[in-house]
Amino acid sequence: MGAFKEWKFSPAPWLPHSDLPLEEFERVRNIKREDMEYTNENGYSVKIVMEPTLLMVQDIFYRILMSDINNTPFTMICPNQWPDAYSSVAEMLNKYNVSARNVHAFAMDEWADQDGNVAPLTYGAGLGYSFINHFYARIREDLRPPVENWHVFTNEYKETNAYSHLIEDISGGGVDVVYTATGWPGHTAFIDPRTEEFKADTLEEFCQLGSRIVTTNPLTVCENAMFGPLGASGDVWGTPYKAATIGPRDIVNAKDRFELHNLMMGDGSSWQRMVSRLELYGPISMEFPASILRLGKGTCYVSEAIAQPFEPWYNGIPDCDVSV
């Protein structure tokens, strides 16, 4: 695209990776569709597909099915909110009489107020509310595990590392799979960059940090203000700026990782196109927390829409030489 061909400027200093050379941003912007797929030395792959959400539904259903057939435990960390995907998994379980009796599912995050109190399950826009209502409650009663197997953040687990200890105790050190995506500032869950709560001196130290209450990045507030449960209207004043979240160690301890990049606006625009490229092709760094997914086995499914090249928008007016 050559965004800096005519005029060069530095990104806002509060952005993650703001100290990268401008040429590095140009490099990731201009990666071509045919060059996007790879598998790294850790077994982490990037694949371009039409619609990643359908693959996530398939993957969750298959893993629960195998846990039923083999009568083996299955543990997973799940993103919020994805009511269409979770209700679809529940419908498939019900249709094919698949028991989820061996499943322990962990919601990866939840809102918190300014004092660090976790949103109650009665809060309709809550992440735990959605996880229970759109997933667990839609599984036929005779196929469900005890409700205690569907884990969500509450004030009981808001203390630092408490939720991570719960995950480790139940899963035996790390879940079988973590399903996740990446947010506007490069977070996974609410593991945001440059927060005091996740401050570390090295990447190794960062990857050992567990669950906690965190103050989210301003871009995270803006992103969530566009999601349906909070009105889809940019109401940043009605969007919590603190959250309870899993930690980096819950990501790196997982046996497998399933990531999807496919968040689009109705007009075809997406705030995720650039963060997807920075996460997948930029440095692995705590400056961009989602990049730590590349440290272990997993797959990131990127939609064809996200893989589209960056194009300037002229509202139908062709670019022309305006020099005089």
C-alpha atoms as a PDB file:
ATOM      1  CA  MET A   1       0.000   0.000   0.000  1.00  0.00           C
ATOM      2  CA  GLY A   2       2.866   2.371   0.747  1.00  0.00           C
ATOM      3  CA  ALA A   3       1.167   4.348   3.510  1.00  0.00           C
ATOM      4  CA  PHE A   4       4.388   6.285   4.153  1.00  0.00           C
ATOM      5  CA  LYS A   5       5.266   6.983   0.544  1.00  0.00           C
ATOM      6  CA  GLU A   6       4.179  10.622   0.609  1.00  0.00           C
ATOM      7  CA  TRP A   7       4.268  11.379   4.341  1.00  0.00           C
ATOM      8  CA  LYS A   8       5.887   9.549   7.239  1.00  0.00           C
ATOM      9  CA  PHE A   9       4.702   9.790  10.837  1.00  0.00           C
ATOM     10  CA  SER A  10       5.144   7.782  14.028  1.00  0.00           C
ATOM     11  CA  PRO A  11       2.261   5.889  15.672  1.00  0.00           C
ATOM     12  CA  ALA A  12       0.866   7.098  18.992  1.00  0.00           C
ATOM     13  CA  PRO A  13       3.413   6.321  21.748  1.00  0.00           C
ATOM     14  CA  TRP A  14       0.819   4.595  23.958  1.00  0.00           C
ATOM     15  CA  LEU A  15       0.199   1.900  21.334  1.00  0.00           C
ATOM     16  CA  PRO A  16       1.863  -1.506  21.745  1.00  0.00           C
ATOM     17  CA  HIS A  17       4.867  -1.934  19.425  1.00  0.00           C
ATOM     18  CA  SER A  18       4.971   1.859  18.928  1.00  0.00           C
ATOM     19  CA  ASP A  19       8.770   1.709  18.977  1.00  0.00           C
ATOM     20  CA  LEU A  20       9.023  -0.666  16.008  1.00  0.00           C
ATOM     21  CA  PRO A  21      10.555   0.794  12.844  1.00  0.00           C
ATOM     22  CA  LEU A  22       7.967   2.107  10.405  1.00  0.00           C
ATOM     23  CA  GLU A  23       9.351  -0.333   7.868  1.00  0.00           C
ATOM     24  CA  GLU A  24       8.269  -3.235  10.093  1.00  0.00           C
ATOM     25  CA  PHE A  25       4.659  -2.049  10.045  1.00  0.00           C
ATOM     26  CA  GLU A  26       4.857  -1.727   6.279  1.00  0.00           C
ATOM     27  CA  ARG A  27       6.283  -5.231   6.014  1.00  0.00           C
ATOM     28  CA  VAL A  28       3.404  -6.883   7.886  1.00  0.00           C
ATOM     29  CA  ARG A  29       0.797  -4.730   6.133  1.00  0.00           C
ATOM     30  CA  ASN A  30       2.034  -5.862   2.759  1.00  0.00           C
ATOM     31  CA  ILE A  31       2.299  -9.611   3.362  1.00  0.00           C
ATOM     32  CA  LYS A  32       0.469 -11.233   0.467  1.00  0.00           C
ATOM     33  CA  ARG A  33      -2.309 -13.770   0.841  1.00  0.00           C
ATOM     34  CA  GLU A  34      -0.161 -16.492  -0.753  1.00  0.00           C
ATOM     35  CA  ASP A  35       2.611 -15.899   1.803  1.00  0.00           C
ATOM     36  CA  MET A  36       0.470 -15.964   4.941  1.00  0.00           C
ATOM     37  CA  GLU A  37       0.336 -19.682   5.710  1.00  0.00           C
ATOM     38  CA  TYR A  38       3.168 -21.288   7.665  1.00  0.00           C
ATOM     39  CA  THR A  39       4.055 -23.678  10.481  1.00  0.00           C
ATOM     40  CA  ASN A  40       6.755 -22.549  12.897  1.00  0.00           C
ATOM     41  CA  GLU A  41       9.311 -24.571  14.858  1.00  0.00           C
ATOM     42  CA  ASN A  42       6.910 -24.861  17.832  1.00  0.00           C
ATOM     43  CA  GLY A  43       4.159 -26.514  15.781  1.00  0.00           C
ATOM     44  CA  TYR A  44       2.043 -23.360  15.504  1.00  0.00           C
ATOM     45  CA  SER A  45       0.340 -23.009  12.113  1.00  0.00           C
ATOM     46  CA  VAL A  46      -1.502 -20.268  10.256  1.00  0.00           C
ATOM     47  CA  LYS A  47      -4.184 -21.314   7.783  1.00  0.00           C
ATOM     48  CA  ILE A  48      -6.453 -19.164   5.623  1.00  0.00           C
ATOM     49  CA  VAL A  49     -10.060 -20.403   5.417  1.00  0.00           C
ATOM     50  CA  MET A  50     -13.455 -19.034   4.493  1.00  0.00           C
ATOM     51  CA  GLU A  51     -14.998 -18.995   7.997  1.00  0.00           C
ATOM     52  CA  PRO A  52     -13.040 -19.939  11.138  1.00  0.00           C
ATOM     53  CA  THR A  53     -16.046 -19.940  13.490  1.00  0.00           C
ATOM     54  CA  LEU A  54     -17.491 -22.987  11.749  1.00  0.00           C
ATOM     55  CA  LEU A  55     -14.207 -24.804  12.303  1.00  0.00           C
ATOM     56  CA  MET A  56     -14.242 -23.882  15.996  1.00  0.00           C
ATOM     57  CA  VAL A  57     -17.749 -25.332  16.362  1.00  0.00           C
ATOM     58  CA  GLN A  58     -16.593 -28.498  14.614  1.00  0.00           C
ATOM     59  CA  ASP A  59     -13.469 -28.768  16.778  1.00  0.00           C
ATOM     60  CA  ILE A  60     -15.301 -28.318  20.094  1.00  0.00           C
ATOM     61  CA  PHE A  61     -17.980 -30.817  19.089  1.00  0.00           C
ATOM     62  CA  TYR A  62     -15.405 -33.397  17.970  1.00  0.00           C
ATOM     63  CA  ARG A  63     -13.367 -33.139  21.169  1.00  0.00           C
ATOM     64  CA  ILE A  64     -16.467 -33.508  23.348  1.00  0.00           C
ATOM     65  CA  LEU A  65     -17.607 -36.434  21.190  1.00  0.00           C
ATOM     66  CA  MET A  66     -14.269 -38.216  21.666  1.00  0.00           C
ATOM     67  CA  SER A  67     -14.354 -37.589  25.419  1.00  0.00           C
ATOM     68  CA  ASP A  68     -17.768 -39.271  25.457  1.00  0.00           C
ATOM     69  CA  ILE A  69     -16.748 -42.226  23.269  1.00  0.00           C
ATOM     70  CA  ASN A  70     -13.482 -42.845  25.135  1.00  0.00           C
ATOM     71  CA  ASN A  71     -14.861 -41.817  28.537  1.00  0.00           C
ATOM     72  CA  THR A  72     -11.888 -39.516  29.100  1.00  0.00           C
ATOM     73  CA  PRO A  73     -11.734 -36.052  30.684  1.00  0.00           C
ATOM     74  CA  PHE A  74     -11.656 -33.012  28.429  1.00  0.00           C
ATOM     75  CA  THR A  75     -10.745 -29.509  29.578  1.00  0.00           C
ATOM     76  CA  MET A  76     -10.962 -26.296  27.550  1.00  0.00           C
ATOM     77  CA  ILE A  77     -10.670 -22.541  27.982  1.00  0.00           C
ATOM     78  CA  CYS A  78     -13.239 -20.660  25.925  1.00  0.00           C
ATOM     79  CA  PRO A  79     -13.502 -17.055  24.683  1.00  0.00           C
ATOM     80  CA  ASN A  80     -16.401 -14.726  25.275  1.00  0.00           C
ATOM     81  CA  GLN A  81     -18.829 -13.913  23.898  1.00  0.00           C
ATOM     82  CA  TRP A  82     -19.659 -16.343  21.093  1.00  0.00           C
ATOM     83  CA  PRO A  83     -23.327 -17.243  21.602  1.00  0.00           C
ATOM     84  CA  ASP A  84     -23.920 -18.370  18.014  1.00  0.00           C
ATOM     85  CA  ALA A  85     -20.989 -20.806  18.142  1.00  0.00           C
ATOM     86  CA  TYR A  86     -21.728 -22.171  21.608  1.00  0.00           C
ATOM     87  CA  SER A  87     -25.440 -22.636  20.977  1.00  0.00           C
ATOM     88  CA  SER A  88     -24.537 -24.470  17.746  1.00  0.00           C
ATOM     89  CA  VAL A  89     -22.245 -26.866  19.650  1.00  0.00           C
ATOM     90  CA  ALA A  90     -25.025 -27.487  22.160  1.00  0.00           C
ATOM     91  CA  GLU A  91     -27.502 -28.210  19.365  1.00  0.00           C
ATOM     92  CA  MET A  92     -25.108 -30.744  17.799  1.00  0.00           C
ATOM     93  CA  LEU A  93     -24.596 -32.462  21.154  1.00  0.00           C
ATOM     94  CA  ASN A  94     -28.355 -32.689  21.616  1.00  0.00           C
ATOM     95  CA  LYS A  95     -29.035 -33.906  18.064  1.00  0.00           C
ATOM     96  CA  TYR A  96     -26.479 -36.715  18.211  1.00  0.00           C
ATOM     97  CA  ASN A  97     -26.969 -37.586  21.896  1.00  0.00           C
ATOM     98  CA  VAL A  98     -23.378 -36.781  22.842  1.00  0.00           C
ATOM     99  CA  SER A  99     -22.742 -36.545  26.570  1.00  0.00           C
ATOM    100  CA  ALA A 100     -20.597 -33.697  27.920  1.00  0.00           C
ATOM    101  CA  ARG A 101     -20.280 -35.492  31.284  1.00  0.00           C
ATOM    102  CA  ASN A 102     -16.456 -35.504  31.108  1.00  0.00           C
ATOM    103  CA  VAL A 103     -16.078 -31.837  30.198  1.00  0.00           C
ATOM    104  CA  HIS A 104     -14.685 -29.020  32.322  1.00  0.00           C
ATOM    105  CA  ALA A 105     -15.054 -25.688  30.504  1.00  0.00           C
ATOM    106  CA  PHE A 106     -13.457 -22.436  31.685  1.00  0.00           C
ATOM    107  CA  ALA A 107     -14.579 -18.983  30.575  1.00  0.00           C
ATOM    108  CA  MET A 108     -11.414 -16.986  30.014  1.00  0.00           C
ATOM    109  CA  ASP A 109     -12.539 -13.621  31.372  1.00  0.00           C
ATOM    110  CA  GLU A 110     -15.244 -11.423  32.904  1.00  0.00           C
ATOM    111  CA  TRP A 111     -15.967  -7.744  33.501  1.00  0.00           C
ATOM    112  CA  ALA A 112     -15.032  -6.088  36.790  1.00  0.00           C
ATOM    113  CA  ASP A 113     -15.942  -2.718  38.261  1.00  0.00           C
ATOM    114  CA  GLN A 114     -13.560   0.087  39.223  1.00  0.00           C
ATOM    115  CA  ASP A 115     -12.953  -1.568  42.606  1.00  0.00           C
ATOM    116  CA  GLY A 116     -12.163  -4.976  41.130  1.00  0.00           C
ATOM    117  CA  ASN A 117     -15.501  -6.604  41.931  1.00  0.00           C
ATOM    118  CA  VAL A 118     -16.408  -9.221  39.334  1.00  0.00           C
ATOM    119  CA  ALA A 119     -19.703  -8.837  37.463  1.00  0.00           C
ATOM    120  CA  PRO A 120     -22.407 -11.134  38.871  1.00  0.00           C
ATOM    121  CA  LEU A 121     -23.931 -13.934  36.808  1.00  0.00           C
ATOM    122  CA  THR A 122     -27.211 -11.992  36.816  1.00  0.00           C
ATOM    123  CA  TYR A 123     -25.605  -9.236  34.681  1.00  0.00           C
ATOM    124  CA  GLY A 124     -27.137  -9.725  31.221  1.00  0.00           C
ATOM    125  CA  ALA A 125     -24.115  -8.308  29.382  1.00  0.00           C
ATOM    126  CA  GLY A 126     -21.781 -10.431  31.477  1.00  0.00           C
ATOM    127  CA  LEU A 127     -19.376 -12.888  29.921  1.00  0.00           C
ATOM    128  CA  GLY A 128     -20.103 -15.602  32.465  1.00  0.00           C
ATOM    129  CA  TYR A 129     -23.833 -15.067  31.991  1.00  0.00           C
ATOM    130  CA  SER A 130     -23.452 -15.671  28.264  1.00  0.00           C
ATOM    131  CA  PHE A 131     -21.178 -18.678  28.746  1.00  0.00           C
ATOM    132  CA  ILE A 132     -23.736 -20.374  30.992  1.00  0.00           C
ATOM    133  CA  ASN A 133     -26.867 -19.227  29.176  1.00  0.00           C
ATOM    134  CA  HIS A 134     -25.779 -19.771  25.562  1.00  0.00           C
ATOM    135  CA  PHE A 135     -23.681 -22.880  26.059  1.00  0.00           C
ATOM    136  CA  TYR A 136     -24.266 -24.925  29.209  1.00  0.00           C
ATOM    137  CA  ALA A 137     -28.002 -24.230  29.557  1.00  0.00           C
ATOM    138  CA  ARG A 138     -28.657 -25.184  25.916  1.00  0.00           C
ATOM    139  CA  ILE A 139     -27.191 -28.645  26.337  1.00  0.00           C
ATOM    140  CA  ARG A 140     -29.962 -31.134  27.038  1.00  0.00           C
ATOM    141  CA  GLU A 141     -30.230 -31.774  30.753  1.00  0.00           C
ATOM    142  CA  ASP A 142     -29.442 -35.491  30.514  1.00  0.00           C
ATOM    143  CA  LEU A 143     -26.266 -34.711  28.525  1.00  0.00           C
ATOM    144  CA  ARG A 144     -24.889 -31.932  30.727  1.00  0.00           C
ATOM    145  CA  PRO A 145     -22.197 -32.324  33.367  1.00  0.00           C
ATOM    146  CA  PRO A 146     -22.846 -30.769  36.786  1.00  0.00           C
ATOM    147  CA  VAL A 147     -23.066 -26.991  36.475  1.00  0.00           C
ATOM    148  CA  GLU A 148     -19.952 -26.806  38.644  1.00  0.00           C
ATOM    149  CA  ASN A 149     -18.011 -28.077  35.587  1.00  0.00           C
ATOM    150  CA  TRP A 150     -18.797 -24.853  33.691  1.00  0.00           C
ATOM    151  CA  HIS A 151     -16.340 -22.484  35.351  1.00  0.00           C
ATOM    152  CA  VAL A 152     -16.668 -18.712  35.296  1.00  0.00           C
ATOM    153  CA  PHE A 153     -14.982 -15.873  37.140  1.00  0.00           C
ATOM    154  CA  THR A 154     -16.653 -14.786  40.371  1.00  0.00           C
ATOM    155  CA  ASN A 155     -15.385 -12.812  43.318  1.00  0.00           C
ATOM    156  CA  GLU A 156     -14.314 -16.156  44.776  1.00  0.00           C
ATOM    157  CA  TYR A 157     -11.588 -16.342  42.120  1.00  0.00           C
ATOM    158  CA  LYS A 158     -10.657 -12.685  41.687  1.00  0.00           C
ATOM    159  CA  GLU A 159      -7.459 -12.874  43.747  1.00  0.00           C
ATOM    160  CA  THR A 160      -4.233 -13.108  41.765  1.00  0.00           C
ATOM    161  CA  ASN A 161      -3.584 -16.669  40.484  1.00  0.00           C
ATOM    162  CA  ALA A 162      -6.762 -18.122  42.075  1.00  0.00           C
ATOM    163  CA  TYR A 163      -8.489 -18.968  38.772  1.00  0.00           C
ATOM    164  CA  SER A 164      -5.205 -20.264  37.300  1.00  0.00           C
ATOM    165  CA  HIS A 165      -4.818 -22.581  40.293  1.00  0.00           C
ATOM    166  CA  LEU A 166      -8.362 -23.853  39.674  1.00  0.00           C
ATOM    167  CA  ILE A 167      -7.536 -24.544  36.012  1.00  0.00           C
ATOM    168  CA  GLU A 168      -4.295 -26.306  36.907  1.00  0.00           C
ATOM    169  CA  ASP A 169      -5.860 -28.401  39.670  1.00  0.00           C
ATOM    170  CA  ILE A 170      -8.699 -29.652  37.463  1.00  0.00           C
ATOM    171  CA  SER A 171      -6.734 -30.087  34.227  1.00  0.00           C
ATOM    172  CA  GLY A 172      -3.578 -31.503  35.763  1.00  0.00           C
ATOM    173  CA  GLY A 173      -1.347 -28.587  34.853  1.00  0.00           C
ATOM    174  CA  GLY A 174      -2.901 -27.167  31.697  1.00  0.00           C
ATOM    175  CA  VAL A 175      -6.087 -27.514  29.656  1.00  0.00           C
ATOM    176  CA  ASP A 176      -6.331 -29.732  26.589  1.00  0.00           C
ATOM    177  CA  VAL A 177      -7.070 -26.744  24.387  1.00  0.00           C
ATOM    178  CA  VAL A 178      -7.560 -23.003  24.643  1.00  0.00           C
ATOM    179  CA  TYR A 179      -9.880 -21.372  22.113  1.00  0.00           C
ATOM    180  CA  THR A 180      -9.175 -17.705  21.618  1.00  0.00           C
ATOM    181  CA  ALA A 181      -8.885 -14.723  19.284  1.00  0.00           C
ATOM    182  CA  THR A 182      -6.957 -11.463  19.376  1.00  0.00           C
ATOM    183  CA  GLY A 183      -8.225  -8.033  20.362  1.00  0.00           C
ATOM    184  CA  TRP A 184      -7.464  -4.582  19.017  1.00  0.00           C
ATOM    185  CA  PRO A 185      -4.375  -3.891  21.201  1.00  0.00           C
ATOM    186  CA  GLY A 186      -3.043  -7.419  20.599  1.00  0.00           C
ATOM    187  CA  HIS A 187      -4.497  -9.041  23.691  1.00  0.00           C
ATOM    188  CA  THR A 188      -5.719 -12.569  24.192  1.00  0.00           C
ATOM    189  CA  ALA A 189      -8.439 -12.803  26.853  1.00  0.00           C
ATOM    190  CA  PHE A 190      -7.901  -9.517  28.755  1.00  0.00           C
ATOM    191  CA  ILE A 191      -4.136  -9.984  28.887  1.00  0.00           C
ATOM    192  CA  ASP A 192      -3.526  -6.461  27.660  1.00  0.00           C
ATOM    193  CA  PRO A 193      -0.172  -4.872  26.818  1.00  0.00           C
ATOM    194  CA  ARG A 194       1.558  -2.372  29.088  1.00  0.00           C
ATOM    195  CA  THR A 195      -0.668  -2.935  32.103  1.00  0.00           C
ATOM    196  CA  GLU A 196       0.713  -2.608  35.619  1.00  0.00           C
ATOM    197  CA  GLU A 197      -0.973  -5.871  36.584  1.00  0.00           C
ATOM    198  CA  PHE A 198       0.929  -7.857  33.928  1.00  0.00           C
ATOM    199  CA  LYS A 199       4.194  -5.969  34.214  1.00  0.00           C
ATOM    200  CA  ALA A 200       7.288  -8.168  33.818  1.00  0.00           C
ATOM    201  CA  ASP A 201      10.981  -7.680  33.101  1.00  0.00           C
ATOM    202  CA  THR A 202      11.282 -10.504  30.571  1.00  0.00           C
ATOM    203  CA  LEU A 203       9.074 -12.555  28.272  1.00  0.00           C
ATOM    204  CA  GLU A 204       9.868 -15.642  30.354  1.00  0.00           C
ATOM    205  CA  GLU A 205       8.657 -13.911  33.513  1.00  0.00           C
ATOM    206  CA  PHE A 206       5.572 -12.626  31.693  1.00  0.00           C
ATOM    207  CA  CYS A 207       4.642 -16.153  30.600  1.00  0.00           C
ATOM    208  CA  GLN A 208       4.553 -17.306  34.237  1.00  0.00           C
ATOM    209  CA  LEU A 209       1.939 -14.740  35.338  1.00  0.00           C
ATOM    210  CA  GLY A 210      -1.454 -16.177  36.245  1.00  0.00           C
ATOM    211  CA  SER A 211      -5.017 -14.924  36.447  1.00  0.00           C
ATOM    212  CA  ARG A 212      -5.883 -11.564  38.048  1.00  0.00           C
ATOM    213  CA  ILE A 213      -7.915  -8.361  37.900  1.00  0.00           C
ATOM    214  CA  VAL A 214      -6.512  -6.082  35.210  1.00  0.00           C
ATOM    215  CA  THR A 215      -6.973  -2.502  34.028  1.00  0.00           C
ATOM    216  CA  THR A 216      -7.674  -2.806  30.315  1.00  0.00           C
ATOM    217  CA  ASN A 217      -6.080  -0.883  27.476  1.00  0.00           C
ATOM    218  CA  PRO A 218      -8.126   2.042  26.039  1.00  0.00           C
ATOM    219  CA  LEU A 219      -8.381   0.177  22.721  1.00  0.00           C
ATOM    220  CA  THR A 220      -9.930  -2.762  24.573  1.00  0.00           C
ATOM    221  CA  VAL A 221     -12.628  -0.465  25.963  1.00  0.00           C
ATOM    222  CA  CYS A 222     -13.323   0.897  22.465  1.00  0.00           C
ATOM    223  CA  GLU A 223     -13.412  -2.585  20.943  1.00  0.00           C
ATOM    224  CA  ASN A 224     -15.852  -3.956  23.496  1.00  0.00           C
ATOM    225  CA  ALA A 225     -18.100  -0.909  23.177  1.00  0.00           C
ATOM    226  CA  MET A 226     -18.802  -2.113  19.628  1.00  0.00           C
ATOM    227  CA  PHE A 227     -19.956  -5.592  20.675  1.00  0.00           C
ATOM    228  CA  GLY A 228     -23.642  -6.445  20.900  1.00  0.00           C
ATOM    229  CA  PRO A 229     -23.984  -7.164  24.641  1.00  0.00           C
ATOM    230  CA  LEU A 230     -22.783  -3.619  25.412  1.00  0.00           C
ATOM    231  CA  GLY A 231     -24.978  -1.964  22.810  1.00  0.00           C
ATOM    232  CA  ALA A 232     -22.840  -2.095  19.628  1.00  0.00           C
ATOM    233  CA  SER A 233     -22.929   1.723  19.649  1.00  0.00           C
ATOM    234  CA  GLY A 234     -19.503   2.844  20.800  1.00  0.00           C
ATOM    235  CA  ASP A 235     -20.782   3.511  24.317  1.00  0.00           C
ATOM    236  CA  VAL A 236     -17.386   3.573  25.999  1.00  0.00           C
ATOM    237  CA  TRP A 237     -19.013   5.111  29.076  1.00  0.00           C
ATOM    238  CA  GLY A 238     -21.094   1.965  29.471  1.00  0.00           C
ATOM    239  CA  THR A 239     -18.131  -0.382  29.005  1.00  0.00           C
ATOM    240  CA  PRO A 240     -16.171  -1.596  32.053  1.00  0.00           C
ATOM    241  CA  TYR A 241     -12.471  -0.714  32.022  1.00  0.00           C
ATOM    242  CA  LYS A 242     -11.426  -3.438  34.454  1.00  0.00           C
ATOM    243  CA  ALA A 243     -11.711  -7.180  34.014  1.00  0.00           C
ATOM    244  CA  ALA A 244     -10.894 -10.553  35.537  1.00  0.00           C
ATOM    245  CA  THR A 245      -8.810 -12.662  33.184  1.00  0.00           C
ATOM    246  CA  ILE A 246      -6.705 -15.775  32.813  1.00  0.00           C
ATOM    247  CA  GLY A 247      -2.970 -15.148  32.642  1.00  0.00           C
ATOM    248  CA  PRO A 248      -0.217 -15.803  30.097  1.00  0.00           C
ATOM    249  CA  ARG A 249       0.718 -19.004  31.904  1.00  0.00           C
ATOM    250  CA  ASP A 250      -2.723 -20.467  31.200  1.00  0.00           C
ATOM    251  CA  ILE A 251      -2.027 -19.900  27.493  1.00  0.00           C
ATOM    252  CA  VAL A 252       1.457 -21.413  27.478  1.00  0.00           C
ATOM    253  CA  ASN A 253       0.420 -24.349  29.720  1.00  0.00           C
ATOM    254  CA  ALA A 254      -2.341 -25.433  27.328  1.00  0.00           C
ATOM    255  CA  LYS A 255      -1.630 -28.600  25.350  1.00  0.00           C
ATOM    256  CA  ASP A 256      -3.145 -27.104  22.181  1.00  0.00           C
ATOM    257  CA  ARG A 257      -4.280 -23.696  20.926  1.00  0.00           C
ATOM    258  CA  PHE A 258      -7.110 -22.896  18.519  1.00  0.00           C
ATOM    259  CA  GLU A 259      -7.222 -19.287  17.420  1.00  0.00           C
ATOM    260  CA  LEU A 260      -9.562 -17.571  14.985  1.00  0.00           C
ATOM    261  CA  HIS A 261      -9.201 -14.189  13.281  1.00  0.00           C
ATOM    262  CA  ASN A 262     -12.460 -13.249  11.570  1.00  0.00           C
ATOM    263  CA  LEU A 263     -13.989 -10.205  13.254  1.00  0.00           C
ATOM    264  CA  MET A 264     -15.577  -7.989  10.591  1.00  0.00           C
ATOM    265  CA  MET A 265     -17.878  -4.995  10.553  1.00  0.00           C
ATOM    266  CA  GLY A 266     -20.992  -5.050   8.365  1.00  0.00           C
ATOM    267  CA  ASP A 267     -19.411  -2.785   5.744  1.00  0.00           C
ATOM    268  CA  GLY A 268     -16.403  -5.067   5.285  1.00  0.00           C
ATOM    269  CA  SER A 269     -14.064  -3.043   7.475  1.00  0.00           C
ATOM    270  CA  SER A 270     -12.213  -4.624  10.368  1.00  0.00           C
ATOM    271  CA  TRP A 271     -10.063  -3.377  13.229  1.00  0.00           C
ATOM    272  CA  GLN A 272      -8.582  -6.892  13.392  1.00  0.00           C
ATOM    273  CA  ARG A 273      -6.764  -6.915  10.021  1.00  0.00           C
ATOM    274  CA  MET A 274      -3.687  -5.107  11.303  1.00  0.00           C
ATOM    275  CA  VAL A 275      -3.496  -6.740  14.738  1.00  0.00           C
ATOM    276  CA  SER A 276      -3.809 -10.137  13.063  1.00  0.00           C
ATOM    277  CA  ARG A 277      -0.727  -9.412  10.978  1.00  0.00           C
ATOM    278  CA  LEU A 278       1.250  -7.975  13.885  1.00  0.00           C
ATOM    279  CA  GLU A 279       0.454 -10.992  16.051  1.00  0.00           C
ATOM    280  CA  LEU A 280       1.230 -13.614  13.423  1.00  0.00           C
ATOM    281  CA  TYR A 281       4.175 -12.004  11.600  1.00  0.00           C
ATOM    282  CA  GLY A 282       5.636  -9.520  14.079  1.00  0.00           C
ATOM    283  CA  PRO A 283       7.905 -10.218  17.060  1.00  0.00           C
ATOM    284  CA  ILE A 284       6.850 -12.612  19.846  1.00  0.00           C
ATOM    285  CA  SER A 285       6.700 -10.164  22.704  1.00  0.00           C
ATOM    286  CA  MET A 286       4.797  -9.207  25.835  1.00  0.00           C
ATOM    287  CA  GLU A 287       4.245  -5.920  23.972  1.00  0.00           C
ATOM    288  CA  PHE A 288       1.776  -7.938  21.923  1.00  0.00           C
ATOM    289  CA  PRO A 289       0.480 -10.574  24.366  1.00  0.00           C
ATOM    290  CA  ALA A 290      -1.418 -12.694  21.823  1.00  0.00           C
ATOM    291  CA  SER A 291       1.880 -13.425  20.087  1.00  0.00           C
ATOM    292  CA  ILE A 292       2.789 -15.881  22.875  1.00  0.00           C
ATOM    293  CA  LEU A 293       0.339 -18.312  21.295  1.00  0.00           C
ATOM    294  CA  ARG A 294       3.096 -18.953  18.762  1.00  0.00           C
ATOM    295  CA  LEU A 295       5.301 -20.414  21.504  1.00  0.00           C
ATOM    296  CA  GLY A 296       3.438 -23.745  21.443  1.00  0.00           C
ATOM    297  CA  LYS A 297       1.441 -26.144  19.325  1.00  0.00           C
ATOM    298  CA  GLY A 298      -1.706 -24.732  17.774  1.00  0.00           C
ATOM    299  CA  THR A 299      -3.465 -23.343  14.738  1.00  0.00           C
ATOM    300  CA  CYS A 300      -4.676 -19.865  13.884  1.00  0.00           C
ATOM    301  CA  TYR A 301      -7.451 -19.887  11.298  1.00  0.00           C
ATOM    302  CA  VAL A 302      -7.582 -16.540   9.473  1.00  0.00           C
ATOM    303  CA  SER A 303     -10.638 -15.741   7.378  1.00  0.00           C
ATOM    304  CA  GLU A 304     -10.295 -14.790   3.725  1.00  0.00           C
ATOM    305  CA  ALA A 305     -11.840 -11.436   4.633  1.00  0.00           C
ATOM    306  CA  ILE A 306      -9.115 -10.688   7.207  1.00  0.00           C
ATOM    307  CA  ALA A 307      -6.461 -11.842   4.715  1.00  0.00           C
ATOM    308  CA  GLN A 308      -7.567  -9.216   2.195  1.00  0.00           C
ATOM    309  CA  PRO A 309      -4.930  -6.610   1.267  1.00  0.00           C
ATOM    310  CA  PHE A 310      -5.044  -3.162   2.801  1.00  0.00           C
ATOM    311  CA  GLU A 311      -6.570  -0.709   0.354  1.00  0.00           C
ATOM    312  CA  PRO A 312      -7.054   3.050   0.660  1.00  0.00           C
ATOM    313  CA  TRP A 313     -10.681   4.159   0.500  1.00  0.00           C
ATOM    314  CA  TYR A 314     -11.585   6.970  -1.865  1.00  0.00           C
ATOM    315  CA  ASN A 315     -15.390   6.779  -1.802  1.00  0.00           C
ATOM    316  CA  GLY A 316     -15.389   5.966  -5.513  1.00  0.00           C
ATOM    317  CA  ILE A 317     -13.213   8.924  -6.429  1.00  0.00           C
ATOM    318  CA  PRO A 318     -10.048   7.783  -8.262  1.00  0.00           C
ATOM    319  CA  ASP A 319      -6.699   8.904  -6.922  1.00  0.00           C
ATOM    320  CA  CYS A 320      -5.083  11.574  -9.056  1.00  0.00           C
ATOM    321  CA  ASP A 321      -2.187  13.968  -9.138  1.00  0.00           C
ATOM    322  CA  VAL A 322      -3.203  17.123  -7.271  1.00  0.00           C
ATOM    323  CA  SER A 323       0.182  18.834  -7.478  1.00  0.00           C
ATOM    324  CA  VAL A 324       0.178  22.343  -8.945  1.00  0.00           C
END
